[in-house]
Amino acid sequence: MFSWNSPSAGGLRDRRGEISDEELIQLMAEQPRLIRRPILVRDGTLIFGYKDGQYCP
């Protein structure tokens, strides 16, 4: 659910895979634009970000 493609994540991309979940949550709490959007629930499953074909059957 972390938006690695966000311009705000630019300096963090080279640390991808090294940053703990706790650090990512803290970063998203401080900078909500780092949360991938939209966030939808479909058939009990969370869907983060736009994925063609995921919204309509």
N, C-alpha and C. Protein backbone atom coordinates (compact mmCIF):
# COMPACT_ATOMS: atom_id res chain seq x y z
N MET A 1 0.80 -1.19 0.00
CA MET A 1 0.00 0.00 0.00
C MET A 1 0.85 1.26 0.00
N PHE A 2 2.16 1.12 0.06
CA PHE A 2 3.07 2.26 -0.01
C PHE A 2 3.25 2.64 -1.48
N SER A 3 3.12 3.90 -1.77
CA SER A 3 3.20 4.37 -3.16
C SER A 3 4.66 4.66 -3.54
N TRP A 4 5.35 3.62 -4.00
CA TRP A 4 6.75 3.77 -4.38
C TRP A 4 6.93 4.68 -5.59
N ASN A 5 5.88 4.84 -6.40
CA ASN A 5 5.97 5.69 -7.58
C ASN A 5 5.68 7.16 -7.30
N SER A 6 5.29 7.47 -6.07
CA SER A 6 5.02 8.86 -5.70
C SER A 6 6.29 9.69 -5.79
N PRO A 7 6.20 10.92 -6.29
CA PRO A 7 7.38 11.79 -6.29
C PRO A 7 7.95 11.98 -4.88
N SER A 8 7.10 11.89 -3.87
CA SER A 8 7.56 12.04 -2.49
C SER A 8 8.41 10.87 -2.02
N ALA A 9 8.34 9.74 -2.71
CA ALA A 9 9.10 8.55 -2.34
C ALA A 9 10.45 8.49 -3.05
N GLY A 10 10.76 9.50 -3.85
CA GLY A 10 11.97 9.49 -4.67
C GLY A 10 13.23 9.08 -3.94
N GLY A 11 13.50 9.66 -2.79
CA GLY A 11 14.72 9.35 -2.06
C GLY A 11 14.71 8.01 -1.35
N LEU A 12 13.56 7.36 -1.33
CA LEU A 12 13.43 6.09 -0.62
C LEU A 12 13.53 4.88 -1.55
N ARG A 13 13.38 5.10 -2.84
CA ARG A 13 13.32 3.97 -3.78
C ARG A 13 14.56 3.08 -3.74
N ASP A 14 15.72 3.67 -3.51
CA ASP A 14 16.93 2.85 -3.47
C ASP A 14 17.03 2.02 -2.19
N ARG A 15 16.14 2.28 -1.22
CA ARG A 15 16.10 1.50 0.03
C ARG A 15 14.95 0.49 0.04
N ARG A 16 14.26 0.37 -1.09
CA ARG A 16 13.12 -0.55 -1.18
C ARG A 16 13.59 -1.96 -0.83
N GLY A 17 12.81 -2.63 0.01
CA GLY A 17 13.18 -3.97 0.46
C GLY A 17 13.99 -3.95 1.74
N GLU A 18 14.54 -2.80 2.10
CA GLU A 18 15.34 -2.67 3.32
C GLU A 18 14.58 -1.96 4.43
N ILE A 19 13.58 -1.16 4.06
CA ILE A 19 12.82 -0.38 5.04
C ILE A 19 11.79 -1.29 5.71
N SER A 20 11.74 -1.24 7.04
CA SER A 20 10.80 -2.09 7.78
C SER A 20 9.37 -1.61 7.59
N ASP A 21 8.43 -2.50 7.85
CA ASP A 21 7.02 -2.14 7.78
C ASP A 21 6.71 -1.00 8.74
N GLU A 22 7.31 -1.02 9.91
CA GLU A 22 7.08 0.04 10.89
C GLU A 22 7.53 1.39 10.35
N GLU A 23 8.68 1.42 9.67
CA GLU A 23 9.17 2.67 9.09
C GLU A 23 8.23 3.15 7.98
N LEU A 24 7.75 2.23 7.15
CA LEU A 24 6.83 2.61 6.07
C LEU A 24 5.54 3.18 6.63
N ILE A 25 5.02 2.56 7.68
CA ILE A 25 3.80 3.06 8.31
C ILE A 25 4.03 4.45 8.89
N GLN A 26 5.17 4.66 9.52
CA GLN A 26 5.50 5.97 10.07
C GLN A 26 5.60 7.02 8.95
N LEU A 27 6.23 6.67 7.85
CA LEU A 27 6.35 7.59 6.72
C LEU A 27 4.97 7.94 6.14
N MET A 28 4.09 6.94 6.04
CA MET A 28 2.75 7.19 5.51
C MET A 28 1.92 8.04 6.48
N ALA A 29 2.14 7.87 7.78
CA ALA A 29 1.44 8.69 8.77
C ALA A 29 1.89 10.15 8.68
N GLU A 30 3.17 10.35 8.41
CA GLU A 30 3.73 11.70 8.31
C GLU A 30 3.41 12.35 6.96
N GLN A 31 3.36 11.54 5.90
CA GLN A 31 3.12 12.05 4.55
C GLN A 31 2.06 11.17 3.86
N PRO A 32 0.78 11.47 4.09
CA PRO A 32 -0.29 10.63 3.54
C PRO A 32 -0.24 10.45 2.02
N ARG A 33 0.43 11.33 1.30
CA ARG A 33 0.51 11.16 -0.16
C ARG A 33 1.33 9.92 -0.53
N LEU A 34 2.00 9.31 0.45
CA LEU A 34 2.75 8.08 0.20
C LEU A 34 1.86 6.84 0.25
N ILE A 35 0.58 7.03 0.56
CA ILE A 35 -0.36 5.91 0.57
C ILE A 35 -0.93 5.75 -0.84
N ARG A 36 -0.82 4.55 -1.34
CA ARG A 36 -1.30 4.28 -2.70
C ARG A 36 -2.82 4.39 -2.74
N ARG A 37 -3.34 5.09 -3.73
CA ARG A 37 -4.78 5.31 -3.85
C ARG A 37 -5.24 4.96 -5.25
N PRO A 38 -6.49 4.69 -5.45
CA PRO A 38 -7.57 4.58 -4.47
C PRO A 38 -7.43 3.29 -3.67
N ILE A 39 -8.14 3.23 -2.54
CA ILE A 39 -8.21 2.02 -1.72
C ILE A 39 -9.66 1.56 -1.78
N LEU A 40 -9.86 0.37 -2.28
CA LEU A 40 -11.21 -0.19 -2.43
C LEU A 40 -11.29 -1.56 -1.77
N VAL A 41 -12.51 -1.94 -1.38
CA VAL A 41 -12.77 -3.28 -0.90
C VAL A 41 -13.75 -3.92 -1.88
N ARG A 42 -13.34 -5.04 -2.42
CA ARG A 42 -14.20 -5.75 -3.37
C ARG A 42 -14.21 -7.22 -2.99
N ASP A 43 -15.40 -7.74 -2.72
CA ASP A 43 -15.56 -9.14 -2.31
C ASP A 43 -14.65 -9.48 -1.13
N GLY A 44 -14.52 -8.54 -0.19
CA GLY A 44 -13.71 -8.77 1.00
C GLY A 44 -12.22 -8.65 0.79
N THR A 45 -11.80 -8.23 -0.39
CA THR A 45 -10.38 -8.08 -0.70
C THR A 45 -10.03 -6.61 -0.87
N LEU A 46 -8.94 -6.18 -0.24
CA LEU A 46 -8.47 -4.80 -0.40
C LEU A 46 -7.73 -4.68 -1.72
N ILE A 47 -8.02 -3.60 -2.44
CA ILE A 47 -7.33 -3.30 -3.69
C ILE A 47 -6.71 -1.92 -3.53
N PHE A 48 -5.40 -1.82 -3.68
CA PHE A 48 -4.69 -0.55 -3.57
C PHE A 48 -4.24 -0.10 -4.94
N GLY A 49 -4.55 1.15 -5.27
CA GLY A 49 -4.12 1.71 -6.54
C GLY A 49 -4.99 1.25 -7.69
N TYR A 50 -4.85 1.92 -8.80
CA TYR A 50 -5.64 1.57 -9.98
C TYR A 50 -5.01 0.39 -10.69
N LYS A 51 -5.81 -0.65 -10.87
CA LYS A 51 -5.37 -1.81 -11.62
C LYS A 51 -6.47 -2.10 -12.64
N ASP A 52 -6.19 -1.91 -13.89
CA ASP A 52 -7.17 -2.13 -14.95
C ASP A 52 -7.79 -3.52 -14.83
N GLY A 53 -9.10 -3.59 -14.83
CA GLY A 53 -9.79 -4.86 -14.75
C GLY A 53 -10.11 -5.32 -13.35
N GLN A 54 -9.58 -4.67 -12.31
CA GLN A 54 -9.83 -5.07 -10.93
C GLN A 54 -11.14 -4.52 -10.40
N TYR A 55 -11.67 -3.45 -10.99
CA TYR A 55 -12.85 -2.79 -10.44
C TYR A 55 -14.15 -3.35 -10.99
N CYS A 56 -14.13 -3.83 -12.18
CA CYS A 56 -15.33 -4.37 -12.81
C CYS A 56 -15.05 -5.80 -13.24
N PRO A 57 -16.03 -6.67 -13.08
CA PRO A 57 -15.82 -8.08 -13.48
C PRO A 57 -15.69 -8.24 -14.97
